[in-house]
Amino acid sequence: MPGNGPAEGRYPLVRDPIYACCLRVLHYHDTWDRETTSVSGKLIVSVSGIGERTLADVDAFCAQMDARSVPVSLLVAPRLSGDYRLDRDPHTVEWLSERRAGGDALVMHGYDEAATKKRRGEFATLHAHEANLRLTAADRVLEHLGLRTRLFAAPGWLVSPGVVKALPGNGFRLLADFHGVTDLVRKSTVRARVLGIGEGFLTEPWWCRMVVMSAERIARRGGVVRIAVAGRQLRKPGPLQATLDAIDLAMLHGCTPMVYRWSADKAVLDAA
């Protein structure tokens, strides 16, 4: 159902200065309208933090996306907190392979979350040399597991200039960050901010409600709706429902579901 109706009961309005400030930021006219006029009606759904502990919830969420014919961009990292290593988790590796074969996308999402958990983001402040080392290490692991990808989205969606410089040299063709999606080959960017729940974003009810409202507004104006949710949030009723509501509203307003993808013969966001 369009409008604010679906969100009112699930995410009560918090009338405070923080809410008002964030509302202005997410709904600022130039951010969402002027910069997305050349690309209309797109929906990209991504999930991060995929591992043994979150796989059941992520799988259930993906099943709901399958029912809606919405492909999912799966953000994958070789190592997560809690001493998790993807190369020791064959079940998740198999699941990821099957999902990609079915139309989902795999996107490299950093290398070692645990080693950088106190930083702003694993790739937010790196110089090109250190970025190159981490990209190479992550690429080797994913290639060994049969999960290699040429798409990159940093943890927290923040990347330093050094990372941007290092990505093409490591064979990456597309970068998804907080502000937009960049074709690293054509050197062009589609401006569209991430609407996230968890993993660097808030999860409180007022924030979930704002994500839903923002997704509807962008979709109604024919923009690019980028919804990102952390896998650990999918077991919580509030964040899960907010994510589903945002997706359903985008679809209701005619957005075309797609994944992060690079194609040699099509511009970024036109490849799906």
Protein backbone atom coordinates (compact mmCIF):
# COMPACT_ATOMS: atom_id res chain seq x y z
CA MET A 1 0.00 0.00 0.00
CA PRO A 2 1.53 3.36 -0.99
CA GLY A 3 1.97 6.35 1.26
CA ASN A 4 2.88 6.45 4.91
CA GLY A 5 0.16 4.03 5.98
CA PRO A 6 2.16 0.76 6.09
CA ALA A 7 4.94 2.34 8.09
CA GLU A 8 2.93 4.24 10.69
CA GLY A 9 2.06 1.27 12.89
CA ARG A 10 5.29 -0.65 12.52
CA TYR A 11 7.72 2.24 12.97
CA PRO A 12 6.21 4.87 15.31
CA LEU A 13 7.12 8.45 14.49
CA VAL A 14 9.83 9.83 16.74
CA ARG A 15 9.42 13.61 16.88
CA ASP A 16 12.86 14.78 17.88
CA PRO A 17 15.64 16.93 16.35
CA ILE A 18 17.67 13.87 15.26
CA TYR A 19 14.75 12.47 13.28
CA ALA A 20 14.06 15.83 11.66
CA CYS A 21 17.71 16.30 10.72
CA CYS A 22 18.05 12.83 9.17
CA LEU A 23 14.76 13.27 7.35
CA ARG A 24 16.08 16.40 5.68
CA VAL A 25 19.28 14.63 4.67
CA LEU A 26 17.59 11.57 3.16
CA HIS A 27 14.87 13.59 1.44
CA TYR A 28 16.94 16.52 0.22
CA HIS A 29 15.71 17.39 -3.27
CA ASP A 30 19.09 17.57 -5.01
CA THR A 31 20.23 14.27 -3.51
CA TRP A 32 17.43 12.13 -4.87
CA ASP A 33 15.80 13.92 -7.78
CA ARG A 34 18.29 15.91 -9.78
CA GLU A 35 21.02 13.28 -9.68
CA THR A 36 18.85 10.33 -10.72
CA THR A 37 16.81 11.84 -13.53
CA SER A 38 18.77 9.95 -16.20
CA VAL A 39 18.04 6.56 -14.62
CA SER A 40 14.48 5.74 -13.63
CA GLY A 41 12.68 3.04 -11.77
CA LYS A 42 15.45 0.72 -10.53
CA LEU A 43 15.51 -1.41 -7.37
CA ILE A 44 18.66 -3.03 -5.99
CA VAL A 45 18.43 -5.19 -2.86
CA SER A 46 21.62 -6.32 -1.13
CA VAL A 47 22.41 -8.42 1.94
CA SER A 48 25.71 -8.41 3.86
CA GLY A 49 27.19 -10.40 6.72
CA ILE A 50 26.47 -13.77 5.14
CA GLY A 51 27.95 -16.71 7.01
CA GLU A 52 27.16 -19.81 9.01
CA ARG A 53 25.37 -17.91 11.78
CA THR A 54 23.14 -15.85 9.49
CA LEU A 55 22.62 -18.20 6.55
CA ALA A 56 19.22 -19.55 7.63
CA ASP A 57 17.79 -16.03 7.97
CA VAL A 58 19.37 -14.87 4.71
CA ASP A 59 18.04 -17.93 2.90
CA ALA A 60 14.52 -17.29 4.21
CA PHE A 61 14.76 -13.67 3.09
CA CYS A 62 15.97 -14.68 -0.36
CA ALA A 63 13.02 -17.07 -0.63
CA GLN A 64 10.72 -14.09 -0.06
CA MET A 65 12.61 -12.20 -2.76
CA ASP A 66 12.20 -15.17 -5.13
CA ALA A 67 8.45 -15.00 -4.55
CA ARG A 68 8.56 -11.35 -5.62
CA SER A 69 10.90 -12.04 -8.58
CA VAL A 70 13.52 -9.77 -7.01
CA PRO A 71 17.15 -10.89 -7.45
CA VAL A 72 19.52 -10.17 -4.58
CA SER A 73 23.06 -8.82 -4.54
CA LEU A 74 24.94 -10.94 -2.00
CA LEU A 75 27.82 -9.07 -0.36
CA VAL A 76 30.52 -11.61 0.47
CA ALA A 77 33.66 -11.32 2.61
CA PRO A 78 36.23 -14.08 3.22
CA ARG A 79 36.38 -13.30 6.95
CA LEU A 80 33.85 -11.98 9.45
CA SER A 81 33.89 -11.27 13.17
CA GLY A 82 33.93 -14.18 15.60
CA ASP A 83 36.83 -15.90 13.81
CA TYR A 84 34.57 -16.80 10.88
CA ARG A 85 36.25 -17.85 7.65
CA LEU A 86 34.30 -18.55 4.50
CA ASP A 87 36.78 -21.17 3.33
CA ARG A 88 35.86 -23.27 6.40
CA ASP A 89 32.15 -23.09 5.65
CA PRO A 90 31.41 -25.29 2.61
CA HIS A 91 27.65 -25.11 3.14
CA THR A 92 27.60 -21.33 2.73
CA VAL A 93 29.95 -21.56 -0.25
CA GLU A 94 27.62 -24.03 -1.94
CA TRP A 95 24.61 -21.87 -1.16
CA LEU A 96 26.28 -18.78 -2.63
CA SER A 97 27.21 -20.68 -5.78
CA GLU A 98 23.65 -21.89 -6.23
CA ARG A 99 22.21 -18.43 -5.68
CA ARG A 100 24.52 -16.91 -8.26
CA ALA A 101 23.60 -19.62 -10.75
CA GLY A 102 19.96 -18.71 -10.14
CA GLY A 103 20.42 -15.03 -11.00
CA ASP A 104 21.70 -13.37 -7.84
CA ALA A 105 24.95 -11.39 -7.88
CA LEU A 106 28.05 -11.85 -5.75
CA VAL A 107 29.83 -8.68 -4.66
CA MET A 108 33.13 -8.65 -2.78
CA HIS A 109 32.52 -6.95 0.55
CA GLY A 110 35.94 -6.51 2.05
CA TYR A 111 38.45 -9.03 3.35
CA ASP A 112 38.63 -9.23 7.16
CA GLU A 113 35.90 -7.57 9.21
CA ALA A 114 37.36 -8.73 12.52
CA ALA A 115 40.73 -7.10 11.94
CA THR A 116 39.19 -3.70 11.27
CA LYS A 117 36.09 -3.62 13.46
CA LYS A 118 37.29 -0.56 15.39
CA ARG A 119 37.88 1.47 12.26
CA ARG A 120 35.44 3.60 10.38
CA GLY A 121 35.36 0.91 7.74
CA GLU A 122 37.86 -1.61 6.42
CA PHE A 123 38.45 0.31 3.18
CA ALA A 124 37.49 3.82 4.32
CA THR A 125 40.99 5.16 5.00
CA LEU A 126 43.41 2.85 3.18
CA HIS A 127 46.20 4.02 0.91
CA ALA A 128 46.43 2.39 -2.50
CA HIS A 129 49.22 -0.02 -1.50
CA GLU A 130 47.40 -1.44 1.53
CA ALA A 131 44.15 -1.54 -0.42
CA ASN A 132 45.90 -3.53 -3.12
CA LEU A 133 47.10 -6.10 -0.56
CA ARG A 134 43.63 -6.60 0.91
CA LEU A 135 41.93 -6.77 -2.48
CA THR A 136 44.45 -9.32 -3.69
CA ALA A 137 44.05 -11.48 -0.58
CA ALA A 138 40.25 -11.44 -0.77
CA ASP A 139 40.28 -12.11 -4.50
CA ARG A 140 42.48 -15.17 -4.05
CA VAL A 141 40.16 -16.67 -1.44
CA LEU A 142 37.02 -16.11 -3.50
CA GLU A 143 38.68 -17.44 -6.65
CA HIS A 144 39.78 -20.58 -4.80
CA LEU A 145 36.19 -21.12 -3.65
CA GLY A 146 34.75 -20.57 -7.12
CA LEU A 147 33.12 -17.31 -6.04
CA ARG A 148 35.27 -14.77 -7.83
CA THR A 149 33.57 -11.49 -8.71
CA ARG A 150 34.55 -8.25 -10.43
CA LEU A 151 32.13 -6.19 -8.33
CA PHE A 152 33.10 -4.43 -5.10
CA ALA A 153 31.24 -2.80 -2.21
CA ALA A 154 33.24 -1.91 0.88
CA PRO A 155 32.03 -2.62 4.43
CA GLY A 156 30.09 0.42 5.55
CA TRP A 157 29.91 1.51 1.90
CA LEU A 158 32.86 3.87 2.41
CA VAL A 159 36.01 3.83 0.27
CA SER A 160 39.12 5.98 0.27
CA PRO A 161 40.67 7.51 -2.87
CA GLY A 162 43.41 4.90 -2.53
CA VAL A 163 40.87 2.10 -2.83
CA VAL A 164 39.27 3.69 -5.89
CA LYS A 165 42.73 3.86 -7.45
CA ALA A 166 43.55 0.23 -6.61
CA LEU A 167 40.33 -1.40 -7.78
CA PRO A 168 40.82 -1.24 -11.59
CA GLY A 169 44.36 -2.57 -11.29
CA ASN A 170 42.96 -5.62 -9.52
CA GLY A 171 40.46 -6.29 -12.27
CA PHE A 172 37.36 -4.80 -10.65
CA ARG A 173 34.86 -3.22 -13.00
CA LEU A 174 32.15 -1.88 -10.72
CA LEU A 175 32.19 -0.08 -7.37
CA ALA A 176 29.10 0.39 -5.23
CA ASP A 177 29.61 2.89 -2.42
CA PHE A 178 27.41 5.00 -0.19
CA HIS A 179 26.85 7.74 -2.75
CA GLY A 180 26.35 5.75 -5.95
CA VAL A 181 27.42 3.06 -8.40
CA THR A 182 30.56 3.58 -10.48
CA ASP A 183 31.54 1.88 -13.72
CA LEU A 184 35.31 1.69 -13.23
CA VAL A 185 35.91 0.96 -16.92
CA ARG A 186 33.83 3.77 -18.39
CA LYS A 187 34.56 6.04 -15.41
CA SER A 188 30.92 7.00 -15.00
CA THR A 189 28.82 7.15 -11.84
CA VAL A 190 25.10 6.92 -11.18
CA ARG A 191 24.34 8.93 -8.06
CA ALA A 192 22.01 7.08 -5.67
CA ARG A 193 22.56 6.74 -1.94
CA VAL A 194 22.17 3.53 0.01
CA LEU A 195 19.17 3.07 2.30
CA GLY A 196 20.58 0.70 4.89
CA ILE A 197 19.53 -1.16 8.02
CA GLY A 198 22.40 -2.47 10.15
CA GLU A 199 26.12 -2.70 9.34
CA GLY A 200 26.96 0.95 9.77
CA PHE A 201 23.33 2.09 9.65
CA LEU A 202 20.86 2.39 12.50
CA THR A 203 18.20 -0.20 13.29
CA GLU A 204 15.85 1.73 15.59
CA PRO A 205 12.13 1.91 14.69
CA TRP A 206 12.29 5.58 13.64
CA TRP A 207 15.15 4.81 11.28
CA CYS A 208 13.36 1.79 9.80
CA ARG A 209 10.32 3.95 9.19
CA MET A 210 12.43 6.58 7.48
CA VAL A 211 14.01 3.97 5.21
CA VAL A 212 10.53 2.89 4.10
CA MET A 213 9.42 6.48 3.51
CA SER A 214 12.58 7.32 1.57
CA ALA A 215 12.32 4.22 -0.60
CA GLU A 216 8.76 5.13 -1.54
CA ARG A 217 9.67 8.71 -2.34
CA ILE A 218 12.59 7.74 -4.56
CA ALA A 219 10.54 5.09 -6.34
CA ARG A 220 7.62 7.44 -6.88
CA ARG A 221 9.95 9.89 -8.62
CA GLY A 222 11.50 7.18 -10.78
CA GLY A 223 14.87 7.06 -9.04
CA VAL A 224 17.28 4.31 -8.05
CA VAL A 225 16.24 2.59 -4.82
CA ARG A 226 19.23 0.87 -3.18
CA ILE A 227 18.16 -1.13 -0.13
CA ALA A 228 20.85 -2.79 1.98
CA VAL A 229 20.30 -4.95 5.05
CA ALA A 230 22.73 -6.79 7.32
CA GLY A 231 22.12 -10.52 7.57
CA ARG A 232 21.97 -10.45 11.37
CA GLN A 233 19.05 -8.00 11.21
CA LEU A 234 16.86 -10.37 9.21
CA ARG A 235 15.91 -12.38 12.32
CA LYS A 236 14.47 -9.26 13.95
CA PRO A 237 10.82 -8.54 13.10
CA GLY A 238 11.16 -4.75 12.87
CA PRO A 239 14.15 -4.48 10.51
CA LEU A 240 12.90 -7.41 8.42
CA GLN A 241 9.44 -5.89 8.00
CA ALA A 242 10.90 -2.49 7.16
CA THR A 243 13.07 -4.05 4.47
CA LEU A 244 10.13 -5.92 2.97
CA ASP A 245 7.91 -2.82 3.09
CA ALA A 246 10.54 -0.72 1.33
CA ILE A 247 10.94 -3.34 -1.38
CA ASP A 248 7.19 -3.78 -1.86
CA LEU A 249 6.63 -0.03 -2.15
CA ALA A 250 9.41 0.29 -4.73
CA MET A 251 7.85 -2.51 -6.75
CA LEU A 252 4.39 -0.97 -6.40
CA HIS A 253 5.70 2.23 -7.95
CA GLY A 254 7.08 0.35 -10.94
CA CYS A 255 10.76 -0.05 -10.11
CA THR A 256 12.56 -2.75 -12.09
CA PRO A 257 14.43 -5.19 -9.80
CA MET A 258 18.06 -5.74 -10.71
CA VAL A 259 21.42 -6.63 -9.21
CA TYR A 260 24.79 -4.95 -9.21
CA ARG A 261 26.29 -6.02 -12.51
CA TRP A 262 28.83 -4.92 -15.09
CA SER A 263 28.42 -5.57 -18.80
CA ALA A 264 30.84 -4.78 -21.61
CA ASP A 265 28.10 -3.57 -23.93
CA LYS A 266 25.83 -1.68 -21.54
CA ALA A 267 26.23 1.23 -19.18
CA VAL A 268 26.04 0.78 -15.41
CA LEU A 269 22.51 0.05 -14.14
CA ASP A 270 21.35 -0.70 -17.70
CA ALA A 271 22.82 -4.21 -17.76
CA ALA A 272 20.01 -6.08 -16.03
